[in-house]
C-alpha atoms as a PDB file:
ATOM      1  CA  MET A   1     128.802 103.311  96.583  1.00  0.00           C
ATOM      2  CA  ARG A   2     127.245 104.607  93.522  1.00  0.00           C
ATOM      3  CA  LYS A   3     128.381 101.417  92.193  1.00  0.00           C
ATOM      4  CA  MET A   4     126.997  99.291  95.185  1.00  0.00           C
ATOM      5  CA  LYS A   5     123.543 100.952  94.756  1.00  0.00           C
ATOM      6  CA  LYS A   6     123.340 100.265  91.022  1.00  0.00           C
ATOM      7  CA  SER A   7     124.464  96.447  91.037  1.00  0.00           C
ATOM      8  CA  LEU A   8     121.691  95.818  93.456  1.00  0.00           C
ATOM      9  CA  VAL A   9     119.445  97.365  91.905  1.00  0.00           C
ATOM     10  CA  CYS A  10     120.337  95.425  88.842  1.00  0.00           C
ATOM     11  CA  LEU A  11     120.284  92.291  91.026  1.00  0.00           C
ATOM     12  CA  ILE A  12     116.356  93.243  92.166  1.00  0.00           C
ATOM     13  CA  PHE A  13     115.459  93.861  88.194  1.00  0.00           C
ATOM     14  CA  ALA A  14     117.374  90.396  87.559  1.00  0.00           C
ATOM     15  CA  ILE A  15     115.603  88.534  89.884  1.00  0.00           C
ATOM     16  CA  LEU A  16     112.196  89.894  89.034  1.00  0.00           C
ATOM     17  CA  LEU A  17     113.030  89.247  85.174  1.00  0.00           C
ATOM     18  CA  LEU A  18     113.517  85.405  86.245  1.00  0.00           C
ATOM     19  CA  ALA A  19     110.980  84.691  88.491  1.00  0.00           C
ATOM     20  CA  GLY A  20     108.615  85.910  85.859  1.00  0.00           C
ATOM     21  CA  CYS A  21     110.199  83.618  83.489  1.00  0.00           C
ATOM     22  CA  THR A  22     110.208  80.507  85.697  1.00  0.00           C
ATOM     23  CA  SER A  23     110.143  77.373  83.118  1.00  0.00           C
ATOM     24  CA  THR A  24     106.464  76.265  82.906  1.00  0.00           C
ATOM     25  CA  GLU A  25     107.583  73.009  83.139  1.00  0.00           C
ATOM     26  CA  GLU A  26     108.271  73.375  86.894  1.00  0.00           C
ATOM     27  CA  ASN A  27     105.103  72.131  89.316  1.00  0.00           C
ATOM     28  CA  ALA A  28     101.821  72.980  88.054  1.00  0.00           C
ATOM     29  CA  PRO A  29     100.293  76.212  89.774  1.00  0.00           C
ATOM     30  CA  ASP A  30      98.660  75.540  93.218  1.00  0.00           C
ATOM     31  CA  ILE A  31      95.242  75.869  93.436  1.00  0.00           C
ATOM     32  CA  VAL A  32      94.415  78.992  95.579  1.00  0.00           C
ATOM     33  CA  ASP A  33      90.644  79.521  96.619  1.00  0.00           C
ATOM     34  CA  VAL A  34      90.531  83.526  97.537  1.00  0.00           C
ATOM     35  CA  PRO A  35      87.447  84.902  98.577  1.00  0.00           C
ATOM     36  CA  HIS A  36      85.699  87.821  96.570  1.00  0.00           C
ATOM     37  CA  VAL A  37      85.982  91.185  98.084  1.00  0.00           C
ATOM     38  CA  ALA A  38      83.908  93.833  97.022  1.00  0.00           C
ATOM     39  CA  ASN A  39      86.563  96.072  95.935  1.00  0.00           C
ATOM     40  CA  ASN A  40      87.915  93.693  93.529  1.00  0.00           C
ATOM     41  CA  ASN A  41      91.268  93.401  95.760  1.00  0.00           C
ATOM     42  CA  ALA A  42      90.523  89.386  95.817  1.00  0.00           C
ATOM     43  CA  ASN A  43      89.445  86.696  93.808  1.00  0.00           C
ATOM     44  CA  ARG A  44      87.510  83.655  93.840  1.00  0.00           C
ATOM     45  CA  ILE A  45      88.775  81.421  91.158  1.00  0.00           C
ATOM     46  CA  SER A  46      91.144  78.590  91.751  1.00  0.00           C
ATOM     47  CA  GLU A  47      94.611  78.751  90.161  1.00  0.00           C
ATOM     48  CA  ASP A  48      93.623  75.978  87.494  1.00  0.00           C
ATOM     49  CA  GLU A  49      90.328  77.192  86.935  1.00  0.00           C
ATOM     50  CA  THR A  50      91.582  78.269  83.144  1.00  0.00           C
ATOM     51  CA  PRO A  51      88.843  78.352  80.932  1.00  0.00           C
ATOM     52  CA  GLU A  52      89.418  76.134  77.767  1.00  0.00           C
ATOM     53  CA  THR A  53      89.004  78.516  75.131  1.00  0.00           C
ATOM     54  CA  PRO A  54      91.741  79.106  72.434  1.00  0.00           C
ATOM     55  CA  TYR A  55      93.498  82.577  73.002  1.00  0.00           C
ATOM     56  CA  ASN A  56      95.834  83.495  70.446  1.00  0.00           C
ATOM     57  CA  ASN A  57      94.483  81.423  67.551  1.00  0.00           C
ATOM     58  CA  TYR A  58      90.667  82.490  67.367  1.00  0.00           C
ATOM     59  CA  PRO A  59      89.238  80.263  64.927  1.00  0.00           C
ATOM     60  CA  ASP A  60      86.930  81.918  61.807  1.00  0.00           C
ATOM     61  CA  ASP A  61      83.371  81.127  63.083  1.00  0.00           C
ATOM     62  CA  GLU A  62      82.247  84.364  64.321  1.00  0.00           C
ATOM     63  CA  SER A  63      80.363  82.479  67.102  1.00  0.00           C
ATOM     64  CA  GLU A  64      83.027  80.950  68.592  1.00  0.00           C
ATOM     65  CA  VAL A  65      85.523  84.079  68.600  1.00  0.00           C
ATOM     66  CA  ASN A  66      82.622  85.763  70.647  1.00  0.00           C
ATOM     67  CA  GLU A  67      82.621  83.021  73.173  1.00  0.00           C
ATOM     68  CA  ALA A  68      86.277  82.823  73.222  1.00  0.00           C
ATOM     69  CA  MET A  69      86.609  86.630  74.105  1.00  0.00           C
ATOM     70  CA  MET A  70      83.525  86.339  76.657  1.00  0.00           C
ATOM     71  CA  ALA A  71      84.992  83.386  78.270  1.00  0.00           C
ATOM     72  CA  THR A  72      88.509  85.916  78.519  1.00  0.00           C
ATOM     73  CA  ILE A  73      86.603  88.995  80.224  1.00  0.00           C
ATOM     74  CA  SER A  74      84.309  86.644  82.213  1.00  0.00           C
ATOM     75  CA  PHE A  75      87.766  85.408  83.685  1.00  0.00           C
ATOM     76  CA  ALA A  76      89.296  88.908  83.694  1.00  0.00           C
ATOM     77  CA  GLN A  77      86.118  90.297  85.142  1.00  0.00           C
ATOM     78  CA  ALA A  78      86.356  88.215  88.365  1.00  0.00           C
ATOM     79  CA  TYR A  79      89.533  89.515  89.471  1.00  0.00           C
ATOM     80  CA  GLY A  80      88.739  93.083  88.341  1.00  0.00           C
ATOM     81  CA  LEU A  81      91.016  93.273  85.525  1.00  0.00           C
ATOM     82  CA  THR A  82      90.001  94.187  81.846  1.00  0.00           C
ATOM     83  CA  VAL A  83      90.255  92.795  78.486  1.00  0.00           C
ATOM     84  CA  ASN A  84      91.769  94.611  75.324  1.00  0.00           C
ATOM     85  CA  GLU A  85      90.087  94.336  72.235  1.00  0.00           C
ATOM     86  CA  ASP A  86      92.760  91.646  71.179  1.00  0.00           C
ATOM     87  CA  GLY A  87      91.194  89.216  73.644  1.00  0.00           C
ATOM     88  CA  LEU A  88      94.115  89.993  76.270  1.00  0.00           C
ATOM     89  CA  ILE A  89      93.914  90.997  79.881  1.00  0.00           C
ATOM     90  CA  LYS A  90      95.566  94.143  80.946  1.00  0.00           C
ATOM     91  CA  VAL A  91      97.581  94.398  83.945  1.00  0.00           C
ATOM     92  CA  VAL A  92      98.714  97.712  85.199  1.00  0.00           C
ATOM     93  CA  ARG A  93     102.248  97.714  86.928  1.00  0.00           C
ATOM     94  CA  PRO A  94     103.040 100.387  88.804  1.00  0.00           C
ATOM     95  CA  GLN A  95     106.343 102.168  89.802  1.00  0.00           C
ATOM     96  CA  SER A  96     106.753 100.847  93.122  1.00  0.00           C
ATOM     97  CA  LEU A  97     107.199  97.141  91.517  1.00  0.00           C
ATOM     98  CA  LEU A  98     109.496  98.046  89.088  1.00  0.00           C
ATOM     99  CA  GLY A  99     112.316  97.122  90.769  1.00  0.00           C
ATOM    100  CA  GLY A 100     113.864 100.208  91.435  1.00  0.00           C
ATOM    101  CA  ARG A 101     114.282 100.754  87.412  1.00  0.00           C
ATOM    102  CA  THR A 102     112.160 103.120  84.919  1.00  0.00           C
ATOM    103  CA  ALA A 103     109.520 101.569  83.010  1.00  0.00           C
ATOM    104  CA  ASP A 104     111.314 101.994  79.772  1.00  0.00           C
ATOM    105  CA  SER A 105     113.984  99.863  80.936  1.00  0.00           C
ATOM    106  CA  VAL A 106     112.232  96.994  82.208  1.00  0.00           C
ATOM    107  CA  VAL A 107     110.052  96.904  78.647  1.00  0.00           C
ATOM    108  CA  ASN A 108     113.722  96.562  77.216  1.00  0.00           C
ATOM    109  CA  GLY A 109     114.429  93.998  79.367  1.00  0.00           C
ATOM    110  CA  PHE A 110     111.446  92.069  78.483  1.00  0.00           C
ATOM    111  CA  LEU A 111     111.709  92.644  74.410  1.00  0.00           C
ATOM    112  CA  GLU A 112     115.166  90.939  74.930  1.00  0.00           C
ATOM    113  CA  ALA A 113     113.532  88.013  76.033  1.00  0.00           C
ATOM    114  CA  ALA A 114     110.559  88.071  73.635  1.00  0.00           C
ATOM    115  CA  ASP A 115     111.492  85.433  71.874  1.00  0.00           C
ATOM    116  CA  THR A 116     112.222  82.575  74.425  1.00  0.00           C
ATOM    117  CA  PRO A 117     109.710  79.869  75.430  1.00  0.00           C
ATOM    118  CA  GLU A 118     109.858  81.514  79.196  1.00  0.00           C
ATOM    119  CA  PHE A 119     109.070  84.928  77.927  1.00  0.00           C
ATOM    120  CA  GLN A 120     105.826  83.797  75.444  1.00  0.00           C
ATOM    121  CA  ALA A 121     104.354  81.835  78.686  1.00  0.00           C
ATOM    122  CA  ILE A 122     104.079  84.281  80.636  1.00  0.00           C
ATOM    123  CA  LEU A 123     103.056  87.522  78.213  1.00  0.00           C
ATOM    124  CA  SER A 124     102.003  88.592  75.211  1.00  0.00           C
ATOM    125  CA  ASP A 125     103.289  92.154  74.656  1.00  0.00           C
ATOM    126  CA  VAL A 126     104.208  95.011  77.355  1.00  0.00           C
ATOM    127  CA  PHE A 127     104.368  98.775  76.700  1.00  0.00           C
ATOM    128  CA  THR A 128     104.803 101.812  79.230  1.00  0.00           C
ATOM    129  CA  ASN A 129     102.523 104.642  80.137  1.00  0.00           C
ATOM    130  CA  ALA A 130     102.538 108.267  80.349  1.00  0.00           C
ATOM    131  CA  ASP A 131     102.268 108.190  84.144  1.00  0.00           C
ATOM    132  CA  GLY A 132     105.587 105.678  84.327  1.00  0.00           C
ATOM    133  CA  THR A 133     103.984 102.921  84.928  1.00  0.00           C
ATOM    134  CA  LEU A 134     103.696  99.814  82.475  1.00  0.00           C
ATOM    135  CA  THR A 135     101.142  97.630  81.160  1.00  0.00           C
ATOM    136  CA  MET A 136     101.103  94.217  80.614  1.00  0.00           C
ATOM    137  CA  LEU A 137      99.044  92.046  77.762  1.00  0.00           C
ATOM    138  CA  LEU A 138      98.477  88.081  78.918  1.00  0.00           C
ATOM    139  CA  THR A 139      96.043  85.748  77.878  1.00  0.00           C
ATOM    140  CA  THR A 140      94.721  83.808  80.874  1.00  0.00           C
ATOM    141  CA  GLU A 141      96.784  80.656  80.670  1.00  0.00           C
ATOM    142  CA  GLN A 142      99.765  83.221  80.918  1.00  0.00           C
ATOM    143  CA  LEU A 143      98.049  85.016  83.978  1.00  0.00           C
ATOM    144  CA  THR A 144      97.872  82.032  85.487  1.00  0.00           C
ATOM    145  CA  GLN A 145     101.455  80.818  85.127  1.00  0.00           C
ATOM    146  CA  TYR A 146     102.729  84.256  85.770  1.00  0.00           C
ATOM    147  CA  ARG A 147     100.686  84.166  89.275  1.00  0.00           C
ATOM    148  CA  HIS A 148     102.380  80.902  89.958  1.00  0.00           C
ATOM    149  CA  ASN A 149     105.591  81.785  89.724  1.00  0.00           C
ATOM    150  CA  MET A 150     105.692  84.812  91.523  1.00  0.00           C
ATOM    151  CA  ARG A 151     104.482  82.956  94.529  1.00  0.00           C
ATOM    152  CA  MET A 152     106.931  80.073  94.000  1.00  0.00           C
ATOM    153  CA  PHE A 153     109.610  82.457  93.437  1.00  0.00           C
ATOM    154  CA  SER A 154     108.690  83.931  96.610  1.00  0.00           C
ATOM    155  CA  ARG A 155     110.550  80.988  98.436  1.00  0.00           C
ATOM    156  CA  PHE A 156     113.391  81.942  96.667  1.00  0.00           C
ATOM    157  CA  HIS A 157     115.564  80.302  99.536  1.00  0.00           C
ATOM    158  CA  GLU A 158     114.514  76.679  98.698  1.00  0.00           C
ATOM    159  CA  ARG A 159     116.526  77.010  95.570  1.00  0.00           C
ATOM    160  CA  HIS A 160     119.393  79.495  95.928  1.00  0.00           C
ATOM    161  CA  ASN A 161     122.238  79.400  98.231  1.00  0.00           C
ATOM    162  CA  LEU A 162     121.162  82.233 100.642  1.00  0.00           C
ATOM    163  CA  PRO A 163     122.303  80.569 103.866  1.00  0.00           C
ATOM    164  CA  SER A 164     121.457  83.002 106.222  1.00  0.00           C
ATOM    165  CA  ILE A 165     117.812  82.769 105.628  1.00  0.00           C
ATOM    166  CA  SER A 166     116.192  79.206 107.282  1.00  0.00           C
ATOM    167  CA  ASP A 167     112.598  79.594 105.921  1.00  0.00           C
ATOM    168  CA  ILE A 168     109.883  82.309 104.077  1.00  0.00           C
ATOM    169  CA  ILE A 169     106.040  81.552 106.099  1.00  0.00           C
ATOM    170  CA  PHE A 170     103.201  83.082 104.284  1.00  0.00           C
ATOM    171  CA  ASP A 171     101.417  83.920 107.152  1.00  0.00           C
ATOM    172  CA  ASP A 172      98.558  85.148 104.803  1.00  0.00           C
ATOM    173  CA  GLU A 173      98.530  82.516 102.470  1.00  0.00           C
ATOM    174  CA  ILE A 174      95.694  84.074 100.057  1.00  0.00           C
ATOM    175  CA  MET A 175      97.137  87.292  99.257  1.00  0.00           C
ATOM    176  CA  LEU A 176     100.814  87.092 100.315  1.00  0.00           C
ATOM    177  CA  THR A 177     100.000  90.510 102.591  1.00  0.00           C
ATOM    178  CA  GLU A 178     101.980  89.274 105.653  1.00  0.00           C
ATOM    179  CA  ILE A 179     105.225  87.519 105.364  1.00  0.00           C
ATOM    180  CA  THR A 180     107.910  86.312 108.216  1.00  0.00           C
ATOM    181  CA  VAL A 181     111.280  85.556 107.409  1.00  0.00           C
ATOM    182  CA  ILE A 182     113.283  83.189 109.629  1.00  0.00           C
ATOM    183  CA  VAL A 183     117.006  84.075 109.876  1.00  0.00           C
ATOM    184  CA  LYS A 184     120.193  83.808 111.307  1.00  0.00           C
ATOM    185  CA  ALA A 185     120.227  87.094 112.465  1.00  0.00           C
ATOM    186  CA  TYR A 186     124.058  87.960 112.714  1.00  0.00           C
ATOM    187  CA  GLU A 187     124.830  86.514 109.595  1.00  0.00           C
ATOM    188  CA  PHE A 188     121.639  87.934 108.022  1.00  0.00           C
ATOM    189  CA  LYS A 189     122.876  91.355 109.426  1.00  0.00           C
ATOM    190  CA  GLN A 190     126.470  91.169 107.703  1.00  0.00           C
ATOM    191  CA  SER A 191     124.745  90.212 104.160  1.00  0.00           C
ATOM    192  CA  LEU A 192     123.504  93.279 101.813  1.00  0.00           C
ATOM    193  CA  VAL A 193     122.545  90.936  99.407  1.00  0.00           C
ATOM    194  CA  GLU A 194     120.576  88.448 101.259  1.00  0.00           C
ATOM    195  CA  ARG A 195     119.057  91.331 103.735  1.00  0.00           C
ATOM    196  CA  THR A 196     117.867  93.276  99.936  1.00  0.00           C
ATOM    197  CA  VAL A 197     116.616  89.519  98.639  1.00  0.00           C
ATOM    198  CA  ALA A 198     114.498  89.179 101.804  1.00  0.00           C
ATOM    199  CA  GLY A 199     113.114  92.359 101.896  1.00  0.00           C
ATOM    200  CA  VAL A 200     112.719  94.673  98.899  1.00  0.00           C
ATOM    201  CA  THR A 201     113.030  91.627  96.594  1.00  0.00           C
ATOM    202  CA  LEU A 202     110.535  89.397  98.388  1.00  0.00           C
ATOM    203  CA  ALA A 203     107.948  92.528  98.825  1.00  0.00           C
ATOM    204  CA  THR A 204     108.112  93.133  95.177  1.00  0.00           C
ATOM    205  CA  ASN A 205     107.469  89.379  94.351  1.00  0.00           C
ATOM    206  CA  ALA A 206     104.936  89.516  96.231  1.00  0.00           C
ATOM    207  CA  GLY A 207     103.167  92.884  95.372  1.00  0.00           C
ATOM    208  CA  LEU A 208     103.086  91.754  91.916  1.00  0.00           C
ATOM    209  CA  TYR A 209     101.181  88.427  93.074  1.00  0.00           C
ATOM    210  CA  GLN A 210      98.434  91.089  94.035  1.00  0.00           C
ATOM    211  CA  ILE A 211      98.444  92.893  90.950  1.00  0.00           C
ATOM    212  CA  LEU A 212      97.727  89.829  89.182  1.00  0.00           C
ATOM    213  CA  HIS A 213      95.037  89.221  91.666  1.00  0.00           C
ATOM    214  CA  GLY A 214      93.422  92.501  90.571  1.00  0.00           C
ATOM    215  CA  VAL A 215      94.453  94.081  93.499  1.00  0.00           C
ATOM    216  CA  SER A 216      94.959  97.958  92.148  1.00  0.00           C
ATOM    217  CA  PRO A 217      98.029  99.346  91.316  1.00  0.00           C
ATOM    218  CA  ASP A 218      98.293 102.351  94.156  1.00  0.00           C
ATOM    219  CA  GLU A 219      96.501  99.794  96.869  1.00  0.00           C
ATOM    220  CA  TRP A 220      99.171  96.750  96.916  1.00  0.00           C
ATOM    221  CA  HIS A 221     100.923  95.991 100.902  1.00  0.00           C
ATOM    222  CA  VAL A 222     103.036  93.841 102.152  1.00  0.00           C
ATOM    223  CA  THR A 223     104.477  93.397 105.664  1.00  0.00           C
ATOM    224  CA  ILE A 224     107.757  91.514 106.202  1.00  0.00           C
ATOM    225  CA  THR A 225     108.709  90.611 109.308  1.00  0.00           C
ATOM    226  CA  VAL A 226     111.866  89.222 110.167  1.00  0.00           C
ATOM    227  CA  LYS A 227     112.671  86.837 112.969  1.00  0.00           C
ATOM    228  CA  ASP A 228     115.957  85.240 114.362  1.00  0.00           C
ATOM    229  CA  TYR A 229     115.768  81.420 113.835  1.00  0.00           C
ATOM    230  CA  GLU A 230     117.604  80.554 117.558  1.00  0.00           C
ATOM    231  CA  THR A 231     115.717  82.935 119.816  1.00  0.00           C
ATOM    232  CA  GLY A 232     112.429  84.024 118.142  1.00  0.00           C
ATOM    233  CA  GLU A 233     112.998  87.778 118.457  1.00  0.00           C
ATOM    234  CA  ILE A 234     112.254  90.381 115.933  1.00  0.00           C
ATOM    235  CA  VAL A 235     115.140  91.617 114.182  1.00  0.00           C
ATOM    236  CA  SER A 236     113.020  93.651 112.136  1.00  0.00           C
ATOM    237  CA  ILE A 237     109.336  94.741 110.968  1.00  0.00           C
ATOM    238  CA  THR A 238     109.055  96.357 107.365  1.00  0.00           C
ATOM    239  CA  GLU A 239     105.787  97.908 105.463  1.00  0.00           C
ATOM    240  CA  PHE A 240     106.154  97.915 101.558  1.00  0.00           C
ATOM    241  CA  PRO A 241     105.688 100.032  99.646  1.00  0.00           C
ATOM    242  CA  HIS A 242     107.336 102.897 101.070  1.00  0.00           C
ATOM    243  CA  ASP A 243     109.562 105.831  99.702  1.00  0.00           C
ATOM    244  CA  ASP A 244     113.074 104.457 100.356  1.00  0.00           C
ATOM    245  CA  MET A 245     112.417 101.107  99.248  1.00  0.00           C
ATOM    246  CA  PHE A 246     114.808 101.212  96.744  1.00  0.00           C
ATOM    247  CA  THR A 247     117.700 102.729  98.780  1.00  0.00           C
ATOM    248  CA  ILE A 248     120.746 100.564  99.402  1.00  0.00           C
ATOM    249  CA  GLN A 249     121.181 100.342 103.655  1.00  0.00           C
ATOM    250  CA  PHE A 250     124.355  99.616 104.428  1.00  0.00           C
ATOM    251  CA  GLY A 251     124.096  99.557 108.238  1.00  0.00           C
ATOM    252  CA  ASP A 252     122.295  96.863 110.418  1.00  0.00           C
ATOM    253  CA  ASP A 253     118.749  99.262 110.465  1.00  0.00           C
END
């Protein structure tokens, strides 16, 4: 049982890492117009409205540097995010969005891929914090690409062989807080991997999507409703995060 738990936690982490590093040559980021909310849990900027300013190679002219920095700060503030002294946007990833692993192990996984083009497209740096969270540092372009990757990968059933999962519907198209998964109920209940992927892995991708849009690290939430393809009956309703979300369930419950 311990081996099974370890292997599935590794599966969740591998899927999350793969999702973040999805190739930038795939479909261009969708335009998602999210209305502003007072507590900065949403945004009002479309996915492709990235300011056309340099981020990694700032010019020598001080005025141009200031202009580039101000453009990044303005972009980040629209989502309730902050910018460090190097002009990189800071995104805090809570323990509930680490795939059941420690912040140190997640950072090590990212650093192992640090020299790949896919990694460089979505992340400038990452480090752990004393409270067990981790901080990701991104340019505005990386932030936009990361959001796109999370949204697209949340429809993983279209790319991977998961025969019991017929469809995934974003009932909340804006922030992915409400998701319905359509399944072949009998087959779904028999597949531990597919139940895990359509549950905690899907919720974690959606949660990270929210964090990247400025949701507070301790306020992300996703409700996943699983329905039978033939009858329309509800198989399960699960609200994330919860204390046992990374505990492996071997039965049908």
